[in-house]
Amino acid sequence: MISNETSNFKELLFKYGEKNQDAIFNKIKEFEQNFNKKTSIDKIDYTNFNKALSEAIIIMEHQDIILSFVQQLSITIRKKMELSKKQMELDKFKITKEVENLELIGELSTKTEKQLIIKREIEERMFRKTSEYEQMKMDYEFSKWFVDDVTRSRELSYAYYQAIKMIIPKN
């Protein structure tokens, strides 16, 4: 269940979600609760067959909606990660040029200590950028796992629907 209050999904949704994160999270929570309240296959008879069948159809629709939310979040994270990677490569190029310039200046002046401090600062900035990118990469891996998890739940809801259809109500 991705709607657990302490889940990584909620953290990712609020970190990368575009808007309406609360509404989306609550909707997913509601849909997952409905899935857990579904009529058990062994309790279906002719009196509740139609109800169980319509319940199964609604659950499948809800699973599709959840999957679309999770896939959209995953796509958003991937886009931000790719943008971050490109920005990091650009920054790496700029920082490398700055360091090369500082090394040249350091050779020409007696202020080498100052240049070393500046060089360390530049390297720290690069380290922070790399760390941010690695965090996004990890978040993206989590988001892919959530997509897989929701896809499995969707498959379960479809199997539930197929099982109900196979039950012939006894009149």
N, C-alpha and C. Protein backbone atom coordinates (compact mmCIF):
# COMPACT_ATOMS: atom_id res chain seq x y z
N MET A 1 0.85 -1.18 0.00
CA MET A 1 0.00 0.00 0.00
C MET A 1 0.89 1.24 0.00
N ILE A 2 0.73 2.02 -1.02
CA ILE A 2 1.57 3.22 -1.13
C ILE A 2 1.00 4.39 -0.34
N SER A 3 -0.23 4.24 0.16
CA SER A 3 -0.85 5.37 0.86
C SER A 3 -0.55 5.39 2.36
N ASN A 4 0.39 4.59 2.80
CA ASN A 4 0.80 4.61 4.19
C ASN A 4 1.33 6.01 4.53
N GLU A 5 0.93 6.53 5.66
CA GLU A 5 1.30 7.90 6.05
C GLU A 5 2.81 8.13 6.10
N THR A 6 3.56 7.07 6.38
CA THR A 6 5.01 7.23 6.49
C THR A 6 5.74 6.71 5.25
N SER A 7 5.01 6.48 4.19
CA SER A 7 5.61 5.86 3.02
C SER A 7 6.55 6.79 2.27
N ASN A 8 7.49 6.17 1.58
CA ASN A 8 8.38 6.94 0.71
C ASN A 8 7.60 7.57 -0.42
N PHE A 9 6.50 6.93 -0.82
CA PHE A 9 5.69 7.50 -1.89
C PHE A 9 5.18 8.87 -1.50
N LYS A 10 4.66 8.98 -0.28
CA LYS A 10 4.14 10.27 0.18
C LYS A 10 5.27 11.31 0.17
N GLU A 11 6.43 10.91 0.63
CA GLU A 11 7.58 11.82 0.66
C GLU A 11 7.92 12.28 -0.76
N LEU A 12 7.95 11.34 -1.70
CA LEU A 12 8.26 11.71 -3.10
C LEU A 12 7.17 12.58 -3.69
N LEU A 13 5.92 12.26 -3.39
CA LEU A 13 4.79 13.04 -3.92
C LEU A 13 4.89 14.49 -3.47
N PHE A 14 5.20 14.70 -2.20
CA PHE A 14 5.28 16.06 -1.68
C PHE A 14 6.58 16.76 -2.09
N LYS A 15 7.59 15.98 -2.41
CA LYS A 15 8.87 16.57 -2.83
C LYS A 15 8.84 16.96 -4.31
N TYR A 16 8.22 16.13 -5.14
CA TYR A 16 8.27 16.36 -6.59
C TYR A 16 6.91 16.64 -7.22
N GLY A 17 5.83 16.40 -6.49
CA GLY A 17 4.50 16.59 -7.06
C GLY A 17 4.27 18.03 -7.48
N GLU A 18 3.57 18.19 -8.57
CA GLU A 18 3.34 19.52 -9.14
C GLU A 18 2.37 20.34 -8.28
N LYS A 19 1.19 19.79 -8.04
CA LYS A 19 0.18 20.50 -7.25
C LYS A 19 -0.83 19.48 -6.73
N ASN A 20 -1.66 19.90 -5.80
CA ASN A 20 -2.72 19.05 -5.24
C ASN A 20 -2.20 17.74 -4.64
N GLN A 21 -1.03 17.78 -4.03
CA GLN A 21 -0.47 16.56 -3.47
C GLN A 21 -1.39 15.95 -2.41
N ASP A 22 -1.96 16.79 -1.55
CA ASP A 22 -2.86 16.28 -0.52
C ASP A 22 -4.06 15.57 -1.13
N ALA A 23 -4.67 16.20 -2.12
CA ALA A 23 -5.85 15.61 -2.76
C ALA A 23 -5.50 14.29 -3.44
N ILE A 24 -4.37 14.25 -4.12
CA ILE A 24 -3.96 13.02 -4.80
C ILE A 24 -3.69 11.93 -3.78
N PHE A 25 -2.95 12.26 -2.73
CA PHE A 25 -2.62 11.25 -1.71
C PHE A 25 -3.89 10.72 -1.05
N ASN A 26 -4.82 11.61 -0.72
CA ASN A 26 -6.08 11.18 -0.09
C ASN A 26 -6.92 10.33 -1.03
N LYS A 27 -6.91 10.67 -2.31
CA LYS A 27 -7.66 9.89 -3.30
C LYS A 27 -7.07 8.48 -3.39
N ILE A 28 -5.75 8.38 -3.44
CA ILE A 28 -5.10 7.07 -3.49
C ILE A 28 -5.42 6.27 -2.24
N LYS A 29 -5.38 6.93 -1.10
CA LYS A 29 -5.69 6.27 0.17
C LYS A 29 -7.13 5.72 0.15
N GLU A 30 -8.06 6.55 -0.33
CA GLU A 30 -9.46 6.13 -0.42
C GLU A 30 -9.61 4.93 -1.35
N PHE A 31 -8.96 4.98 -2.50
CA PHE A 31 -9.05 3.88 -3.46
C PHE A 31 -8.47 2.59 -2.88
N GLU A 32 -7.35 2.70 -2.18
CA GLU A 32 -6.74 1.51 -1.58
C GLU A 32 -7.63 0.94 -0.47
N GLN A 33 -8.28 1.81 0.29
CA GLN A 33 -9.20 1.32 1.33
C GLN A 33 -10.39 0.61 0.69
N ASN A 34 -10.90 1.15 -0.41
CA ASN A 34 -12.00 0.48 -1.12
C ASN A 34 -11.58 -0.89 -1.62
N PHE A 35 -10.35 -1.00 -2.09
CA PHE A 35 -9.84 -2.28 -2.57
C PHE A 35 -9.81 -3.29 -1.42
N ASN A 36 -9.40 -2.84 -0.25
CA ASN A 36 -9.33 -3.74 0.91
C ASN A 36 -10.71 -4.14 1.43
N LYS A 37 -11.73 -3.35 1.13
CA LYS A 37 -13.10 -3.63 1.59
C LYS A 37 -13.91 -4.45 0.59
N LYS A 38 -13.28 -4.87 -0.50
CA LYS A 38 -14.03 -5.57 -1.54
C LYS A 38 -14.64 -6.87 -1.01
N THR A 39 -15.68 -7.31 -1.68
CA THR A 39 -16.36 -8.55 -1.31
C THR A 39 -15.44 -9.72 -1.58
N SER A 40 -15.31 -10.59 -0.60
CA SER A 40 -14.46 -11.76 -0.75
C SER A 40 -15.07 -12.71 -1.78
N ILE A 41 -14.23 -13.32 -2.59
CA ILE A 41 -14.69 -14.22 -3.66
C ILE A 41 -15.55 -15.35 -3.08
N ASP A 42 -15.15 -15.91 -1.95
CA ASP A 42 -15.90 -17.04 -1.39
C ASP A 42 -17.24 -16.63 -0.78
N LYS A 43 -17.50 -15.34 -0.67
CA LYS A 43 -18.77 -14.88 -0.11
C LYS A 43 -19.74 -14.40 -1.19
N ILE A 44 -19.37 -14.57 -2.45
CA ILE A 44 -20.24 -14.11 -3.53
C ILE A 44 -21.27 -15.19 -3.85
N ASP A 45 -22.52 -14.77 -3.89
CA ASP A 45 -23.61 -15.66 -4.31
C ASP A 45 -24.55 -14.86 -5.20
N TYR A 46 -25.69 -15.43 -5.52
CA TYR A 46 -26.60 -14.74 -6.46
C TYR A 46 -27.14 -13.43 -5.90
N THR A 47 -27.16 -13.27 -4.58
CA THR A 47 -27.71 -12.03 -4.01
C THR A 47 -26.75 -10.84 -4.12
N ASN A 48 -25.47 -11.11 -4.16
CA ASN A 48 -24.52 -10.00 -4.22
C ASN A 48 -23.58 -10.06 -5.43
N PHE A 49 -23.91 -10.92 -6.39
CA PHE A 49 -23.07 -11.07 -7.58
C PHE A 49 -22.93 -9.76 -8.35
N ASN A 50 -24.05 -9.12 -8.66
CA ASN A 50 -24.00 -7.87 -9.43
C ASN A 50 -23.24 -6.77 -8.68
N LYS A 51 -23.45 -6.72 -7.38
CA LYS A 51 -22.73 -5.73 -6.57
C LYS A 51 -21.23 -5.98 -6.62
N ALA A 52 -20.84 -7.24 -6.48
CA ALA A 52 -19.42 -7.59 -6.51
C ALA A 52 -18.81 -7.31 -7.88
N LEU A 53 -19.57 -7.57 -8.93
CA LEU A 53 -19.08 -7.31 -10.29
C LEU A 53 -18.86 -5.81 -10.51
N SER A 54 -19.83 -5.00 -10.11
CA SER A 54 -19.67 -3.55 -10.28
C SER A 54 -18.55 -3.01 -9.37
N GLU A 55 -18.42 -3.60 -8.19
CA GLU A 55 -17.33 -3.25 -7.27
C GLU A 55 -15.97 -3.52 -7.93
N ALA A 56 -15.87 -4.66 -8.59
CA ALA A 56 -14.62 -5.05 -9.26
C ALA A 56 -14.28 -4.07 -10.39
N ILE A 57 -15.29 -3.66 -11.13
CA ILE A 57 -15.07 -2.71 -12.23
C ILE A 57 -14.58 -1.36 -11.67
N ILE A 58 -15.21 -0.92 -10.60
CA ILE A 58 -14.80 0.35 -9.97
C ILE A 58 -13.37 0.24 -9.44
N ILE A 59 -13.04 -0.88 -8.84
CA ILE A 59 -11.69 -1.09 -8.31
C ILE A 59 -10.66 -1.03 -9.43
N MET A 60 -10.98 -1.65 -10.57
CA MET A 60 -10.05 -1.60 -11.72
C MET A 60 -9.86 -0.17 -12.20
N GLU A 61 -10.95 0.58 -12.26
CA GLU A 61 -10.85 1.99 -12.68
C GLU A 61 -9.99 2.78 -11.69
N HIS A 62 -10.18 2.51 -10.41
CA HIS A 62 -9.39 3.19 -9.38
C HIS A 62 -7.91 2.83 -9.51
N GLN A 63 -7.63 1.56 -9.78
CA GLN A 63 -6.24 1.15 -9.94
C GLN A 63 -5.59 1.84 -11.14
N ASP A 64 -6.38 2.03 -12.20
CA ASP A 64 -5.86 2.76 -13.37
C ASP A 64 -5.52 4.21 -13.00
N ILE A 65 -6.38 4.82 -12.20
CA ILE A 65 -6.14 6.21 -11.77
C ILE A 65 -4.89 6.29 -10.89
N ILE A 66 -4.76 5.37 -9.95
CA ILE A 66 -3.58 5.34 -9.08
C ILE A 66 -2.32 5.17 -9.93
N LEU A 67 -2.39 4.24 -10.89
CA LEU A 67 -1.24 3.99 -11.75
C LEU A 67 -0.86 5.25 -12.53
N SER A 68 -1.86 5.98 -13.00
CA SER A 68 -1.54 7.21 -13.75
C SER A 68 -0.89 8.26 -12.85
N PHE A 69 -1.35 8.38 -11.60
CA PHE A 69 -0.72 9.31 -10.65
C PHE A 69 0.75 8.94 -10.42
N VAL A 70 0.98 7.65 -10.18
CA VAL A 70 2.32 7.18 -9.85
C VAL A 70 3.25 7.30 -11.06
N GLN A 71 2.74 6.97 -12.24
CA GLN A 71 3.56 7.10 -13.45
C GLN A 71 3.90 8.57 -13.72
N GLN A 72 2.94 9.45 -13.52
CA GLN A 72 3.21 10.87 -13.73
C GLN A 72 4.29 11.37 -12.77
N LEU A 73 4.22 10.93 -11.52
CA LEU A 73 5.24 11.31 -10.55
C LEU A 73 6.61 10.79 -10.99
N SER A 74 6.65 9.56 -11.44
CA SER A 74 7.90 8.96 -11.89
C SER A 74 8.48 9.72 -13.08
N ILE A 75 7.62 10.10 -14.01
CA ILE A 75 8.06 10.88 -15.18
C ILE A 75 8.60 12.24 -14.74
N THR A 76 7.91 12.88 -13.81
CA THR A 76 8.36 14.18 -13.30
C THR A 76 9.74 14.06 -12.66
N ILE A 77 9.94 13.03 -11.85
CA ILE A 77 11.24 12.84 -11.21
C ILE A 77 12.31 12.57 -12.26
N ARG A 78 11.98 11.73 -13.25
CA ARG A 78 12.96 11.43 -14.30
C ARG A 78 13.36 12.70 -15.06
N LYS A 79 12.37 13.54 -15.39
CA LYS A 79 12.68 14.79 -16.10
C LYS A 79 13.60 15.68 -15.26
N LYS A 80 13.28 15.81 -13.97
CA LYS A 80 14.10 16.65 -13.10
C LYS A 80 15.50 16.06 -12.94
N MET A 81 15.57 14.73 -12.90
CA MET A 81 16.86 14.07 -12.77
C MET A 81 17.71 14.30 -14.02
N GLU A 82 17.09 14.16 -15.19
CA GLU A 82 17.82 14.39 -16.44
C GLU A 82 18.28 15.85 -16.55
N LEU A 83 17.41 16.76 -16.15
CA LEU A 83 17.77 18.18 -16.15
C LEU A 83 18.93 18.44 -15.18
N SER A 84 18.84 17.82 -14.02
CA SER A 84 19.90 17.97 -13.02
C SER A 84 21.22 17.42 -13.54
N LYS A 85 21.16 16.30 -14.25
CA LYS A 85 22.38 15.71 -14.80
C LYS A 85 23.01 16.66 -15.83
N LYS A 86 22.18 17.22 -16.69
CA LYS A 86 22.70 18.16 -17.69
C LYS A 86 23.28 19.40 -17.02
N GLN A 87 22.58 19.90 -16.01
CA GLN A 87 23.07 21.06 -15.27
C GLN A 87 24.39 20.73 -14.57
N MET A 88 24.46 19.52 -14.02
CA MET A 88 25.68 19.10 -13.34
C MET A 88 26.85 19.03 -14.32
N GLU A 89 26.60 18.50 -15.52
CA GLU A 89 27.66 18.43 -16.53
C GLU A 89 28.12 19.82 -16.94
N LEU A 90 27.16 20.74 -17.09
CA LEU A 90 27.51 22.12 -17.42
C LEU A 90 28.32 22.75 -16.29
N ASP A 91 27.84 22.56 -15.05
CA ASP A 91 28.56 23.11 -13.89
C ASP A 91 29.96 22.50 -13.78
N LYS A 92 30.05 21.21 -14.06
CA LYS A 92 31.35 20.54 -13.99
C LYS A 92 32.31 21.19 -14.99
N PHE A 93 31.81 21.45 -16.18
CA PHE A 93 32.63 22.11 -17.20
C PHE A 93 33.06 23.50 -16.73
N LYS A 94 32.08 24.28 -16.22
CA LYS A 94 32.38 25.64 -15.75
C LYS A 94 33.39 25.61 -14.60
N ILE A 95 33.15 24.70 -13.66
CA ILE A 95 34.03 24.61 -12.49
C ILE A 95 35.43 24.18 -12.90
N THR A 96 35.50 23.24 -13.84
CA THR A 96 36.81 22.81 -14.33
C THR A 96 37.57 23.99 -14.94
N LYS A 97 36.86 24.79 -15.71
CA LYS A 97 37.49 25.98 -16.32
C LYS A 97 37.92 26.97 -15.23
N GLU A 98 37.07 27.16 -14.23
CA GLU A 98 37.42 28.07 -13.13
C GLU A 98 38.67 27.59 -12.40
N VAL A 99 38.71 26.27 -12.15
CA VAL A 99 39.87 25.70 -11.45
C VAL A 99 41.13 25.87 -12.29
N GLU A 100 41.01 25.61 -13.60
CA GLU A 100 42.17 25.79 -14.48
C GLU A 100 42.64 27.24 -14.45
N ASN A 101 41.69 28.18 -14.49
CA ASN A 101 42.05 29.60 -14.43
C ASN A 101 42.72 29.94 -13.10
N LEU A 102 42.19 29.38 -12.02
CA LEU A 102 42.78 29.64 -10.70
C LEU A 102 44.20 29.08 -10.62
N GLU A 103 44.39 27.91 -11.23
CA GLU A 103 45.73 27.32 -11.21
C GLU A 103 46.71 28.21 -11.98
N LEU A 104 46.24 28.75 -13.10
CA LEU A 104 47.10 29.66 -13.87
C LEU A 104 47.42 30.91 -13.06
N ILE A 105 46.38 31.47 -12.43
CA ILE A 105 46.58 32.67 -11.61
C ILE A 105 47.51 32.34 -10.44
N GLY A 106 47.32 31.15 -9.86
CA GLY A 106 48.15 30.72 -8.73
C GLY A 106 49.61 30.63 -9.11
N GLU A 107 49.89 30.22 -10.31
CA GLU A 107 51.28 30.13 -10.76
C GLU A 107 51.88 31.52 -10.95
N LEU A 108 51.04 32.47 -11.32
CA LEU A 108 51.55 33.81 -11.61
C LEU A 108 51.62 34.69 -10.36
N SER A 109 50.87 34.36 -9.34
CA SER A 109 50.85 35.23 -8.16
C SER A 109 51.39 34.50 -6.94
N THR A 110 51.52 35.23 -5.88
CA THR A 110 51.99 34.64 -4.64
C THR A 110 50.83 34.31 -3.71
N LYS A 111 49.63 34.46 -4.21
CA LYS A 111 48.43 34.24 -3.38
C LYS A 111 47.90 32.82 -3.57
N THR A 112 48.78 31.85 -3.58
CA THR A 112 48.36 30.47 -3.85
C THR A 112 47.43 29.93 -2.77
N GLU A 113 47.59 30.37 -1.54
CA GLU A 113 46.70 29.91 -0.48
C GLU A 113 45.26 30.28 -0.77
N LYS A 114 45.07 31.51 -1.19
CA LYS A 114 43.72 31.99 -1.52
C LYS A 114 43.14 31.16 -2.67
N GLN A 115 43.96 30.86 -3.67
CA GLN A 115 43.50 30.08 -4.80
C GLN A 115 43.13 28.65 -4.37
N LEU A 116 43.89 28.09 -3.45
CA LEU A 116 43.58 26.75 -2.96
C LEU A 116 42.24 26.73 -2.22
N ILE A 117 41.98 27.76 -1.45
CA ILE A 117 40.71 27.87 -0.73
C ILE A 117 39.56 27.98 -1.73
N ILE A 118 39.75 28.81 -2.73
CA ILE A 118 38.71 28.97 -3.76
C ILE A 118 38.51 27.66 -4.51
N LYS A 119 39.61 26.98 -4.80
CA LYS A 119 39.52 25.69 -5.50
C LYS A 119 38.73 24.69 -4.67
N ARG A 120 39.00 24.63 -3.37
CA ARG A 120 38.25 23.73 -2.49
C ARG A 120 36.76 24.07 -2.49
N GLU A 121 36.46 25.35 -2.46
CA GLU A 121 35.06 25.80 -2.49
C GLU A 121 34.37 25.34 -3.77
N ILE A 122 35.06 25.48 -4.86
CA ILE A 122 34.50 25.06 -6.15
C ILE A 122 34.26 23.55 -6.15
N GLU A 123 35.23 22.80 -5.63
CA GLU A 123 35.08 21.34 -5.57
C GLU A 123 33.93 20.95 -4.65
N GLU A 124 33.73 21.68 -3.57
CA GLU A 124 32.59 21.42 -2.67
C GLU A 124 31.26 21.65 -3.38
N ARG A 125 31.18 22.73 -4.16
CA ARG A 125 29.96 23.00 -4.93
C ARG A 125 29.66 21.84 -5.87
N MET A 126 30.70 21.33 -6.49
CA MET A 126 30.53 20.20 -7.41
C MET A 126 30.06 18.96 -6.65
N PHE A 127 30.62 18.76 -5.47
CA PHE A 127 30.21 17.62 -4.65
C PHE A 127 28.73 17.73 -4.28
N ARG A 128 28.28 18.93 -3.91
CA ARG A 128 26.87 19.13 -3.56
C ARG A 128 25.97 18.84 -4.75
N LYS A 129 26.36 19.31 -5.93
CA LYS A 129 25.57 19.06 -7.14
C LYS A 129 25.49 17.56 -7.41
N THR A 130 26.61 16.89 -7.26
CA THR A 130 26.64 15.44 -7.48
C THR A 130 25.75 14.74 -6.46
N SER A 131 25.79 15.17 -5.22
CA SER A 131 24.95 14.57 -4.18
C SER A 131 23.47 14.77 -4.48
N GLU A 132 23.10 15.97 -4.93
CA GLU A 132 21.70 16.23 -5.29
C GLU A 132 21.27 15.31 -6.42
N TYR A 133 22.12 15.15 -7.41
CA TYR A 133 21.80 14.28 -8.54
C TYR A 133 21.64 12.84 -8.08
N GLU A 134 22.54 12.37 -7.23
CA GLU A 134 22.46 10.99 -6.73
C GLU A 134 21.18 10.78 -5.93
N GLN A 135 20.76 11.79 -5.16
CA GLN A 135 19.50 11.70 -4.41
C GLN A 135 18.32 11.58 -5.38
N MET A 136 18.33 12.38 -6.43
CA MET A 136 17.26 12.30 -7.43
C MET A 136 17.25 10.94 -8.11
N LYS A 137 18.43 10.41 -8.36
CA LYS A 137 18.53 9.09 -8.98
C LYS A 137 17.89 8.03 -8.08
N MET A 138 18.18 8.13 -6.80
CA MET A 138 17.59 7.18 -5.85
C MET A 138 16.07 7.37 -5.77
N ASP A 139 15.61 8.62 -5.75
CA ASP A 139 14.18 8.89 -5.74
C ASP A 139 13.50 8.31 -6.98
N TYR A 140 14.17 8.42 -8.11
CA TYR A 140 13.62 7.88 -9.36
C TYR A 140 13.52 6.36 -9.28
N GLU A 141 14.52 5.71 -8.70
CA GLU A 141 14.46 4.25 -8.53
C GLU A 141 13.28 3.86 -7.64
N PHE A 142 13.06 4.62 -6.57
CA PHE A 142 11.90 4.38 -5.72
C PHE A 142 10.61 4.55 -6.51
N SER A 143 10.54 5.60 -7.30
CA SER A 143 9.31 5.86 -8.07
C SER A 143 9.04 4.72 -9.05
N LYS A 144 10.09 4.16 -9.65
CA LYS A 144 9.89 3.02 -10.55
C LYS A 144 9.37 1.82 -9.77
N TRP A 145 9.86 1.65 -8.55
CA TRP A 145 9.38 0.55 -7.72
C TRP A 145 7.89 0.74 -7.41
N PHE A 146 7.49 1.99 -7.13
CA PHE A 146 6.07 2.26 -6.87
C PHE A 146 5.22 1.99 -8.10
N VAL A 147 5.72 2.33 -9.27
CA VAL A 147 4.99 2.03 -10.51
C VAL A 147 4.80 0.52 -10.63
N ASP A 148 5.87 -0.25 -10.37
CA ASP A 148 5.77 -1.71 -10.43
C ASP A 148 4.77 -2.24 -9.41
N ASP A 149 4.81 -1.68 -8.20
CA ASP A 149 3.90 -2.11 -7.14
C ASP A 149 2.44 -1.84 -7.52
N VAL A 150 2.18 -0.67 -8.03
CA VAL A 150 0.81 -0.32 -8.42
C VAL A 150 0.38 -1.16 -9.63
N THR A 151 1.30 -1.45 -10.52
CA THR A 151 0.98 -2.30 -11.67
C THR A 151 0.57 -3.69 -11.18
N ARG A 152 1.29 -4.22 -10.20
CA ARG A 152 0.90 -5.53 -9.63
C ARG A 152 -0.47 -5.45 -8.97
N SER A 153 -0.75 -4.38 -8.26
CA SER A 153 -2.07 -4.20 -7.64
C SER A 153 -3.16 -4.13 -8.70
N ARG A 154 -2.86 -3.47 -9.79
CA ARG A 154 -3.82 -3.36 -10.89
C ARG A 154 -4.09 -4.75 -11.47
N GLU A 155 -3.02 -5.54 -11.64
CA GLU A 155 -3.18 -6.91 -12.14
C GLU A 155 -4.02 -7.75 -11.18
N LEU A 156 -3.82 -7.55 -9.88
CA LEU A 156 -4.63 -8.27 -8.89
C LEU A 156 -6.10 -7.88 -8.99
N SER A 157 -6.35 -6.59 -9.20
CA SER A 157 -7.75 -6.16 -9.31
C SER A 157 -8.39 -6.73 -10.57
N TYR A 158 -7.62 -6.85 -11.64
CA TYR A 158 -8.15 -7.44 -12.87
C TYR A 158 -8.41 -8.94 -12.66
N ALA A 159 -7.51 -9.62 -11.94
CA ALA A 159 -7.71 -11.04 -11.64
C ALA A 159 -8.96 -11.22 -10.78
N TYR A 160 -9.17 -10.32 -9.84
CA TYR A 160 -10.37 -10.35 -9.00
C TYR A 160 -11.62 -10.22 -9.87
N TYR A 161 -11.58 -9.29 -10.80
CA TYR A 161 -12.70 -9.08 -11.72
C TYR A 161 -12.95 -10.34 -12.55
N GLN A 162 -11.89 -10.93 -13.08
CA GLN A 162 -12.04 -12.14 -13.88
C GLN A 162 -12.60 -13.29 -13.05
N ALA A 163 -12.16 -13.40 -11.80
CA ALA A 163 -12.67 -14.46 -10.92
C ALA A 163 -14.16 -14.28 -10.67
N ILE A 164 -14.58 -13.05 -10.47
CA ILE A 164 -16.01 -12.79 -10.24
C ILE A 164 -16.81 -13.14 -11.49
N LYS A 165 -16.30 -12.79 -12.65
CA LYS A 165 -17.01 -13.10 -13.90
C LYS A 165 -17.18 -14.60 -14.10
N MET A 166 -16.23 -15.38 -13.57
CA MET A 166 -16.28 -16.83 -13.74
C MET A 166 -17.30 -17.48 -12.81
N ILE A 167 -17.67 -16.76 -11.77
CA ILE A 167 -18.67 -17.29 -10.84
C ILE A 167 -20.03 -17.17 -11.49
N ILE A 168 -20.70 -18.28 -11.61
CA ILE A 168 -22.05 -18.26 -12.18
C ILE A 168 -23.02 -18.20 -11.01
N PRO A 169 -23.77 -17.12 -10.93
CA PRO A 169 -24.70 -17.03 -9.80
C PRO A 169 -25.74 -18.15 -9.86
N LYS A 170 -25.93 -18.76 -8.72
CA LYS A 170 -26.91 -19.86 -8.62
C LYS A 170 -28.25 -19.27 -8.21
N ASN A 171 -29.22 -19.40 -9.09
CA ASN A 171 -30.55 -18.83 -8.81
C ASN A 171 -31.36 -19.76 -7.99
